[in-house]
């Protein structure tokens, strides 16, 4: 596929003629200079809108990602417009709205998981990772709601660590044990922050902070900040953080966060993808990223609502890390907060994430499946059962009396992820294989 530059428009020709005439005329006055400045600005804006034609690799990746997002069900319009993502005259880079960093009211967001999914749907999001702080309690609700809108949910968690949070899908009790310990530390941390505020003449009740956080939600700084606003100590959340609750501030306190390296290793052990969130908040990110890479880090956030951060992109290249990003949406009453789905994550970046993630997820799910079938007595050829659907498979594996205490969210995650396994010769069909098939069709 070749790219050609469109012929000059009539307006562009007029601008060239005007510029030529101006060069042969008397020096322009102030009004003429202003008009020329505006003309140059218009021309520059038009040039920015012209995007290169999408490559075959991008188109193949787009189709693969859309198939993955739809759980393998191709749309009738895929061949014509890449599943609703029109590419007129090769002038637009293909894009799938993906949100990999968003919070619900199960941590410090304002929307319930269901409401968050609904907002993502209104914004055209096709893939959503719910990354609540130190908990996956909202995943099941998000998945259930997503069924109504054909949104793909990636079970995820943003884990508080000494260096910086990481997030990614995971499994098993080992992860929950660590998350539970971190959440307990959040209660202790909140009480210490209230003690420091009291010494500064701002008395607050812990019960009020807990009520703001909600039933079962470990309190964070934002909940303390809201209590400060309600008590009249500050005008808004921004003021509470800028004056008292910022890192190292007079009312700041640390929790029981583990070391960043141990968090990355935990995520890798439990079948997840470890991604460094907020790397721009680090004063000296290079040595931190180097150490986390050695521990198994897969990716870092590079894309934000204000574009790609070149310095972090270079670090990602240096340490061979995937480049991801998200809005970090919380649903706060802040006009400057990026909306969910607002980060322009290139489809190739997300495709490469899936290329790396899918084998890891498949292996983790196979391990769960092996453990479950072993406990339910379905691990021998004489006891094999034929299933006609994912629901049958999940019911067969998850209905054992030994699993009565299985958490609902874990069952829903298993039910969703089992749908991605193709049990053929005990192997998974990867996105790389899908892309190879699609690429062959393009030639």
Protein backbone atom coordinates (compact mmCIF):
# COMPACT_ATOMS: atom_id res chain seq x y z
CA UNK A 1 0.00 0.00 0.00
CA UNK A 2 1.44 3.33 -1.04
CA UNK A 3 0.77 6.77 0.33
CA UNK A 4 0.30 9.81 -1.84
CA UNK A 5 -0.03 13.38 -0.80
CA UNK A 6 -3.36 14.92 -1.84
CA UNK A 7 -3.21 17.66 -4.45
CA UNK A 8 -3.33 21.20 -3.14
CA UNK A 9 -6.81 22.53 -2.50
CA UNK A 10 -8.10 25.75 -3.98
CA UNK A 11 -7.58 27.50 -0.66
CA UNK A 12 -3.98 26.32 -0.51
CA UNK A 13 -3.35 27.57 -4.06
CA UNK A 14 -4.77 30.96 -3.13
CA UNK A 15 -2.47 31.10 -0.10
CA UNK A 16 0.56 30.29 -2.29
CA UNK A 17 -0.43 33.01 -4.76
CA UNK A 18 -0.98 35.47 -1.95
CA UNK A 19 2.41 34.66 -0.45
CA UNK A 20 4.08 35.11 -3.86
CA UNK A 21 2.39 38.45 -4.39
CA UNK A 22 3.37 39.58 -0.93
CA UNK A 23 7.01 38.77 -1.64
CA UNK A 24 7.01 41.12 -4.64
CA UNK A 25 5.02 43.88 -3.00
CA UNK A 26 5.78 46.48 -0.39
CA UNK A 27 6.40 45.34 3.18
CA UNK A 28 3.07 44.25 4.73
CA UNK A 29 1.40 46.36 7.35
CA UNK A 30 0.20 45.03 10.69
CA UNK A 31 -3.18 43.88 9.32
CA UNK A 32 -1.52 41.98 6.47
CA UNK A 33 0.88 40.27 8.85
CA UNK A 34 -2.02 39.21 11.06
CA UNK A 35 -3.91 37.75 8.08
CA UNK A 36 -0.83 35.84 6.96
CA UNK A 37 -0.34 34.51 10.47
CA UNK A 38 -3.94 33.24 10.55
CA UNK A 39 -3.53 31.68 7.11
CA UNK A 40 -0.40 29.84 8.22
CA UNK A 41 -2.20 28.61 11.33
CA UNK A 42 -5.09 27.27 9.22
CA UNK A 43 -2.69 25.55 6.87
CA UNK A 44 -0.77 24.01 9.77
CA UNK A 45 -4.01 22.75 11.29
CA UNK A 46 -4.98 21.11 8.01
CA UNK A 47 -1.61 19.39 7.77
CA UNK A 48 -2.04 17.98 11.26
CA UNK A 49 -5.34 16.41 10.23
CA UNK A 50 -3.71 14.53 7.37
CA UNK A 51 -2.69 11.16 8.70
CA UNK A 52 -0.74 8.50 6.96
CA UNK A 53 -2.52 5.54 5.45
CA UNK A 54 -2.83 2.60 7.87
CA UNK A 55 -0.41 -0.23 7.24
CA UNK A 56 -1.48 -3.80 6.59
CA UNK A 57 -0.05 -4.69 9.99
CA UNK A 58 -2.31 -2.12 11.66
CA UNK A 59 -5.38 -3.31 9.76
CA UNK A 60 -4.66 -6.94 10.62
CA UNK A 61 -4.11 -5.98 14.27
CA UNK A 62 -7.35 -4.00 14.29
CA UNK A 63 -9.36 -6.94 13.01
CA UNK A 64 -7.71 -9.29 15.53
CA UNK A 65 -8.40 -6.94 18.43
CA UNK A 66 -12.03 -6.50 17.37
CA UNK A 67 -12.47 -10.27 17.11
CA UNK A 68 -10.97 -10.63 20.58
CA UNK A 69 -13.18 -7.89 21.99
CA UNK A 70 -16.24 -9.63 20.51
CA UNK A 71 -15.10 -13.04 21.74
CA UNK A 72 -14.54 -14.29 18.20
CA UNK A 73 -17.85 -13.09 16.77
CA UNK A 74 -17.12 -11.07 13.63
CA UNK A 75 -19.44 -8.23 12.70
CA UNK A 76 -21.21 -8.12 9.34
CA UNK A 77 -19.48 -4.86 8.47
CA UNK A 78 -15.91 -5.89 9.33
CA UNK A 79 -14.75 -6.22 5.75
CA UNK A 80 -16.12 -2.84 4.79
CA UNK A 81 -15.11 -0.65 7.67
CA UNK A 82 -13.02 -2.67 10.13
CA UNK A 83 -15.93 -3.23 12.47
CA UNK A 84 -17.35 0.27 12.51
CA UNK A 85 -13.97 2.05 12.65
CA UNK A 86 -14.04 3.76 9.27
CA UNK A 87 -10.78 4.43 7.44
CA UNK A 88 -11.79 6.94 4.72
CA UNK A 89 -9.29 7.35 1.89
CA UNK A 90 -6.47 6.04 4.09
CA UNK A 91 -6.54 9.25 6.08
CA UNK A 92 -7.13 7.85 9.60
CA UNK A 93 -5.03 5.62 11.78
CA UNK A 94 -7.16 2.64 12.90
CA UNK A 95 -8.25 2.86 16.51
CA UNK A 96 -10.22 0.81 18.99
CA UNK A 97 -11.34 2.65 22.10
CA UNK A 98 -9.52 0.84 24.92
CA UNK A 99 -9.48 1.93 28.56
CA UNK A 100 -6.85 0.18 30.69
CA UNK A 101 -6.90 2.36 33.81
CA UNK A 102 -10.18 3.27 35.52
CA UNK A 103 -11.55 3.20 39.07
CA UNK A 104 -14.97 2.55 40.58
CA UNK A 105 -16.57 3.23 43.95
CA UNK A 106 -15.09 -0.06 45.16
CA UNK A 107 -11.93 1.96 45.78
CA UNK A 108 -11.66 5.74 45.28
CA UNK A 109 -13.86 6.29 42.22
CA UNK A 110 -17.31 7.86 42.38
CA UNK A 111 -19.23 5.52 40.04
CA UNK A 112 -20.31 1.98 40.77
CA UNK A 113 -18.70 -0.69 38.56
CA UNK A 114 -21.97 -0.94 36.62
CA UNK A 115 -22.22 2.82 36.11
CA UNK A 116 -18.56 2.92 35.05
CA UNK A 117 -19.21 0.29 32.37
CA UNK A 118 -22.26 2.22 31.16
CA UNK A 119 -20.23 5.41 30.87
CA UNK A 120 -17.49 3.55 29.02
CA UNK A 121 -20.12 2.24 26.58
CA UNK A 122 -21.46 5.76 25.97
CA UNK A 123 -17.89 6.83 25.16
CA UNK A 124 -17.45 4.02 22.65
CA UNK A 125 -15.06 1.92 24.73
CA UNK A 126 -14.74 -1.69 23.52
CA UNK A 127 -12.27 -3.00 26.11
CA UNK A 128 -12.23 -1.88 29.76
CA UNK A 129 -9.83 -2.82 32.57
CA UNK A 130 -11.26 -2.09 36.01
CA UNK A 131 -8.18 -1.20 38.07
CA UNK A 132 -9.46 -0.41 41.54
CA UNK A 133 -6.87 0.13 44.27
CA UNK A 134 -5.88 -3.08 46.04
CA UNK A 135 -9.16 -4.87 45.34
CA UNK A 136 -10.93 -6.81 42.60
CA UNK A 137 -14.29 -6.67 44.35
CA UNK A 138 -15.94 -4.77 41.50
CA UNK A 139 -14.91 -7.12 38.69
CA UNK A 140 -17.95 -9.41 38.83
CA UNK A 141 -20.41 -6.49 38.71
CA UNK A 142 -18.51 -4.90 35.83
CA UNK A 143 -18.52 -8.17 33.88
CA UNK A 144 -22.22 -8.72 34.41
CA UNK A 145 -23.05 -5.20 33.22
CA UNK A 146 -20.67 -5.49 30.26
CA UNK A 147 -22.78 -8.32 28.85
CA UNK A 148 -25.49 -5.77 28.05
CA UNK A 149 -23.12 -3.57 26.04
CA UNK A 150 -20.71 -6.03 24.38
CA UNK A 151 -17.73 -4.56 26.24
CA UNK A 152 -14.77 -6.80 27.01
CA UNK A 153 -13.68 -6.54 30.66
CA UNK A 154 -10.08 -7.24 31.69
CA UNK A 155 -10.02 -8.21 35.40
CA UNK A 156 -7.34 -6.00 36.92
CA UNK A 157 -6.11 -4.33 40.09
CA UNK A 158 -3.86 -1.37 40.87
CA UNK A 159 -1.60 -2.57 43.64
CA UNK A 160 -0.04 -0.04 45.98
CA UNK A 161 3.71 -0.56 46.26
CA UNK A 162 6.74 1.27 47.54
CA UNK A 163 7.86 2.36 44.08
CA UNK A 164 4.54 2.81 42.28
CA UNK A 165 1.32 0.86 41.63
CA UNK A 166 1.19 -1.92 39.07
CA UNK A 167 -1.93 -3.43 37.60
CA UNK A 168 -2.93 -6.52 35.68
CA UNK A 169 -5.29 -9.51 35.72
CA UNK A 170 -4.48 -12.24 38.21
CA UNK A 171 -5.82 -15.26 40.15
CA UNK A 172 -5.72 -17.33 43.33
CA UNK A 173 -5.63 -16.78 47.06
CA UNK A 174 -2.00 -15.68 47.11
CA UNK A 175 -2.90 -12.41 45.42
CA UNK A 176 -5.94 -11.83 47.62
CA UNK A 177 -3.86 -12.40 50.76
CA UNK A 178 -1.47 -9.61 49.73
CA UNK A 179 -4.30 -7.29 48.68
CA UNK A 180 -6.09 -7.89 51.99
CA UNK A 181 -2.95 -6.95 53.90
CA UNK A 182 -2.60 -3.73 51.88
CA UNK A 183 -6.26 -2.85 52.49
CA UNK A 184 -5.83 -3.37 56.23
CA UNK A 185 -2.87 -0.99 56.06
CA UNK A 186 -5.13 1.60 54.44
CA UNK A 187 -7.29 1.73 57.59
CA UNK A 188 -4.22 2.28 59.76
CA UNK A 189 -2.91 4.88 57.32
CA UNK A 190 -6.23 6.79 57.34
CA UNK A 191 -6.23 6.95 61.12
CA UNK A 192 -2.66 8.27 61.12
CA UNK A 193 -3.62 10.97 58.60
CA UNK A 194 -6.53 12.00 60.83
CA UNK A 195 -4.16 12.18 63.80
CA UNK A 196 -1.85 14.50 61.87
CA UNK A 197 -4.77 16.66 60.74
CA UNK A 198 -5.98 16.87 64.33
CA UNK A 199 -2.57 18.17 65.38
CA UNK A 200 -2.97 20.83 62.66
CA UNK A 201 -6.30 21.94 64.16
CA UNK A 202 -8.55 19.96 61.80
CA UNK A 203 -10.41 17.35 63.83
CA UNK A 204 -12.22 14.64 61.84
CA UNK A 205 -14.00 11.46 62.91
CA UNK A 206 -12.83 8.17 61.42
CA UNK A 207 -16.47 7.06 61.18
CA UNK A 208 -17.18 9.96 58.82
CA UNK A 209 -14.29 8.95 56.57
CA UNK A 210 -15.46 5.33 56.60
CA UNK A 211 -18.99 6.38 55.66
CA UNK A 212 -17.65 8.42 52.76
CA UNK A 213 -15.58 5.46 51.56
CA UNK A 214 -18.58 3.16 51.72
CA UNK A 215 -19.29 -0.23 53.24
CA UNK A 216 -16.32 -2.55 52.92
CA UNK A 217 -14.17 -0.03 51.03
CA UNK A 218 -10.71 0.61 52.50
CA UNK A 219 -10.35 4.40 52.93
CA UNK A 220 -7.79 6.31 50.90
CA UNK A 221 -6.54 9.87 50.72
CA UNK A 222 -9.44 10.97 48.54
CA UNK A 223 -11.94 9.90 51.22
CA UNK A 224 -10.04 11.89 53.86
CA UNK A 225 -9.99 14.84 51.46
CA UNK A 226 -13.77 14.64 50.99
CA UNK A 227 -14.23 14.61 54.75
CA UNK A 228 -12.08 17.75 54.94
CA UNK A 229 -14.28 19.44 52.34
CA UNK A 230 -17.48 18.45 54.14
CA UNK A 231 -16.07 19.78 57.44
CA UNK A 232 -15.21 23.10 55.78
CA UNK A 233 -11.45 22.86 56.32
CA UNK A 234 -10.72 23.19 52.61
CA UNK A 235 -12.70 24.39 49.62
CA UNK A 236 -12.18 21.37 47.38
CA UNK A 237 -10.25 18.12 46.89
CA UNK A 238 -7.48 19.83 44.97
CA UNK A 239 -6.81 22.17 47.90
CA UNK A 240 -6.80 19.26 50.38
CA UNK A 241 -4.11 17.48 48.38
CA UNK A 242 -2.02 20.53 47.48
CA UNK A 243 -1.85 21.75 51.07
CA UNK A 244 -1.95 18.67 53.28
CA UNK A 245 -2.23 15.23 51.64
CA UNK A 246 0.38 15.30 48.88
CA UNK A 247 3.26 12.82 49.06
CA UNK A 248 5.39 13.97 52.00
CA UNK A 249 2.80 16.60 52.99
CA UNK A 250 2.02 17.58 56.60
CA UNK A 251 -0.87 15.11 56.82
CA UNK A 252 0.56 12.40 54.57
CA UNK A 253 1.08 8.88 55.93
CA UNK A 254 2.28 5.63 54.43
CA UNK A 255 0.47 2.30 54.63
CA UNK A 256 1.72 -1.27 54.54
CA UNK A 257 2.66 -1.35 50.88
CA UNK A 258 5.08 -4.08 49.78
CA UNK A 259 8.18 -3.44 47.67
CA UNK A 260 7.64 -2.87 43.98
CA UNK A 261 9.80 -5.84 42.97
CA UNK A 262 7.79 -8.23 45.16
CA UNK A 263 4.53 -6.92 43.66
CA UNK A 264 5.78 -7.52 40.12
CA UNK A 265 6.89 -11.03 41.06
CA UNK A 266 3.51 -11.69 42.69
CA UNK A 267 1.65 -10.63 39.54
CA UNK A 268 3.87 -12.83 37.39
CA UNK A 269 3.36 -15.82 39.71
CA UNK A 270 -0.42 -15.44 39.71
CA UNK A 271 -0.94 -15.28 35.97
CA UNK A 272 -1.04 -11.54 35.35
CA UNK A 273 0.65 -8.82 33.32
CA UNK A 274 2.65 -6.38 35.45
CA UNK A 275 2.40 -2.77 34.30
CA UNK A 276 3.99 0.22 36.01
CA UNK A 277 1.38 2.94 36.51
CA UNK A 278 2.14 6.65 36.88
CA UNK A 279 5.87 6.37 36.04
CA UNK A 280 5.98 10.13 35.43
CA UNK A 281 5.46 10.60 39.18
CA UNK A 282 8.88 9.07 39.88
CA UNK A 283 11.69 11.55 40.45
CA UNK A 284 14.22 9.24 38.82
CA UNK A 285 12.32 6.57 36.87
CA UNK A 286 15.25 4.91 35.06
CA UNK A 287 16.72 2.89 37.99
CA UNK A 288 13.24 1.98 39.25
CA UNK A 289 12.17 0.70 35.84
CA UNK A 290 15.46 -1.19 35.49
CA UNK A 291 14.94 -2.98 38.83
CA UNK A 292 11.28 -3.77 38.10
CA UNK A 293 12.18 -5.10 34.66
CA UNK A 294 14.64 -7.47 36.31
CA UNK A 295 11.79 -8.63 38.58
CA UNK A 296 9.57 -9.39 35.57
CA UNK A 297 7.85 -6.12 34.63
CA UNK A 298 6.01 -6.38 31.30
CA UNK A 299 4.95 -2.81 30.50
CA UNK A 300 4.74 0.81 31.61
CA UNK A 301 2.21 3.56 31.10
CA UNK A 302 3.38 5.85 28.34
CA UNK A 303 0.17 7.18 26.77
CA UNK A 304 -1.90 9.79 28.60
CA UNK A 305 -4.74 12.11 27.62
CA UNK A 306 -2.14 14.73 26.67
CA UNK A 307 -0.32 12.34 24.33
CA UNK A 308 2.68 10.01 24.45
CA UNK A 309 5.49 10.88 26.84
CA UNK A 310 8.65 10.65 24.75
CA UNK A 311 11.04 10.21 27.68
CA UNK A 312 9.12 7.24 29.07
CA UNK A 313 8.68 5.85 25.57
CA UNK A 314 12.47 5.84 25.21
CA UNK A 315 12.81 4.03 28.55
CA UNK A 316 10.27 1.45 27.39
CA UNK A 317 12.37 0.88 24.28
CA UNK A 318 15.57 0.64 26.33
CA UNK A 319 14.18 -2.07 28.61
CA UNK A 320 12.01 -3.73 25.94
CA UNK A 321 8.73 -3.00 27.72
CA UNK A 322 5.25 -2.74 26.24
CA UNK A 323 3.83 0.78 25.97
CA UNK A 324 0.35 1.18 27.42
CA UNK A 325 -1.79 3.90 28.96
CA UNK A 326 -5.17 4.89 30.32
CA UNK A 327 -7.16 7.83 31.61
CA UNK A 328 -6.96 6.93 35.34
CA UNK A 329 -10.63 7.93 35.43
CA UNK A 330 -12.20 8.33 38.88
CA UNK A 331 -15.40 10.24 38.08
CA UNK A 332 -14.48 13.18 40.27
CA UNK A 333 -16.14 16.55 40.00
CA UNK A 334 -13.16 17.97 38.15
CA UNK A 335 -13.40 19.46 34.67
CA UNK A 336 -9.69 18.77 34.11
CA UNK A 337 -10.01 15.04 34.73
CA UNK A 338 -9.69 13.01 31.50
CA UNK A 339 -12.87 11.10 30.65
CA UNK A 340 -12.94 7.34 30.42
CA UNK A 341 -11.76 6.16 27.02
CA UNK A 342 -10.12 9.50 26.19
CA UNK A 343 -6.55 8.20 25.85
CA UNK A 344 -5.63 7.42 22.24
CA UNK A 345 -3.90 4.07 22.67
CA UNK A 346 -2.66 2.87 19.25
CA UNK A 347 -4.23 -0.40 18.14
CA UNK A 348 -0.78 -1.91 17.56
CA UNK A 349 0.23 -1.09 21.14
CA UNK A 350 -2.86 -2.86 22.50
CA UNK A 351 -2.42 -5.75 20.08
CA UNK A 352 1.15 -6.29 21.28
CA UNK A 353 -0.14 -6.24 24.85
CA UNK A 354 -2.61 -8.99 23.97
CA UNK A 355 0.11 -10.94 22.17
CA UNK A 356 2.12 -10.97 25.40
CA UNK A 357 -0.85 -11.42 27.72
CA UNK A 358 -2.79 -14.19 26.02
CA UNK A 359 -0.26 -17.03 26.52
CA UNK A 360 0.14 -15.98 30.17
CA UNK A 361 -3.61 -15.89 30.73
CA UNK A 362 -4.08 -19.20 28.91
CA UNK A 363 -1.46 -20.91 31.06
CA UNK A 364 -3.01 -19.49 34.24
CA UNK A 365 -6.49 -20.62 33.21
CA UNK A 366 -5.20 -24.07 32.24
CA UNK A 367 -3.68 -24.34 35.71
CA UNK A 368 -7.00 -23.37 37.29
CA UNK A 369 -8.79 -25.79 35.00
CA UNK A 370 -6.36 -28.61 35.85
CA UNK A 371 -6.69 -27.98 39.59
CA UNK A 372 -10.47 -27.76 39.37
CA UNK A 373 -10.94 -30.87 37.27
CA UNK A 374 -8.59 -32.75 39.58
CA UNK A 375 -10.73 -31.80 42.57
CA UNK A 376 -13.99 -32.60 40.75
CA UNK A 377 -12.81 -35.96 39.41
CA UNK A 378 -12.79 -35.02 35.73
CA UNK A 379 -9.12 -35.59 35.04
CA UNK A 380 -9.14 -38.97 33.34
CA UNK A 381 -10.12 -40.05 29.83
CA UNK A 382 -12.77 -42.42 31.18
CA UNK A 383 -14.45 -39.55 32.98
CA UNK A 384 -14.33 -36.95 30.20
CA UNK A 385 -17.54 -35.01 29.68
CA UNK A 386 -18.72 -33.45 26.45
CA UNK A 387 -19.78 -29.84 26.87
CA UNK A 388 -21.79 -27.73 24.48
CA UNK A 389 -21.09 -24.30 25.92
CA UNK A 390 -18.83 -22.29 28.20
CA UNK A 391 -21.62 -22.26 30.80
CA UNK A 392 -21.70 -26.07 30.73
CA UNK A 393 -17.95 -26.20 31.23
CA UNK A 394 -18.04 -23.73 34.12
CA UNK A 395 -21.00 -25.42 35.76
CA UNK A 396 -19.24 -28.76 35.44
CA UNK A 397 -16.00 -27.43 36.94
CA UNK A 398 -17.37 -25.04 39.52
CA UNK A 399 -20.35 -26.92 40.96
CA UNK A 400 -18.38 -29.28 43.15
CA UNK A 401 -19.31 -29.33 46.87
CA UNK A 402 -15.61 -28.68 47.52
CA UNK A 403 -15.97 -25.30 45.80
CA UNK A 404 -19.04 -24.00 47.62
CA UNK A 405 -16.97 -21.23 49.16
CA UNK A 406 -15.62 -19.99 45.83
CA UNK A 407 -16.01 -16.21 45.60
CA UNK A 408 -18.65 -15.05 43.07
CA UNK A 409 -16.17 -12.69 41.42
CA UNK A 410 -13.69 -15.53 40.93
CA UNK A 411 -16.39 -17.71 39.35
CA UNK A 412 -17.35 -14.91 36.97
CA UNK A 413 -13.72 -14.32 36.00
CA UNK A 414 -13.27 -18.03 35.33
CA UNK A 415 -16.49 -18.17 33.34
CA UNK A 416 -15.37 -15.28 31.16
CA UNK A 417 -11.82 -16.43 30.64
CA UNK A 418 -12.78 -20.05 29.91
CA UNK A 419 -14.55 -18.62 26.87
CA UNK A 420 -11.15 -17.68 25.44
CA UNK A 421 -9.67 -21.17 25.56
CA UNK A 422 -9.89 -23.38 22.51
CA UNK A 423 -9.49 -26.91 23.89
CA UNK A 424 -7.85 -28.37 20.82
CA UNK A 425 -4.78 -30.55 21.37
CA UNK A 426 -4.50 -28.80 24.77
CA UNK A 427 -3.39 -25.54 23.18
CA UNK A 428 -4.69 -22.01 22.82
CA UNK A 429 -5.13 -20.23 19.54
CA UNK A 430 -3.17 -17.03 20.06
CA UNK A 431 -3.73 -13.60 18.61
CA UNK A 432 -0.48 -14.05 16.69
CA UNK A 433 -2.03 -17.01 14.87
CA UNK A 434 -5.22 -15.05 14.28
CA UNK A 435 -3.26 -12.13 12.84
CA UNK A 436 -1.32 -14.48 10.55
CA UNK A 437 -4.61 -15.79 9.17
CA UNK A 438 -5.99 -12.28 8.67
CA UNK A 439 -2.77 -11.03 7.08
CA UNK A 440 -2.86 -13.90 4.59
CA UNK A 441 -6.37 -12.84 3.60
CA UNK A 442 -5.18 -9.31 2.88
CA UNK A 443 -2.77 -10.50 0.20
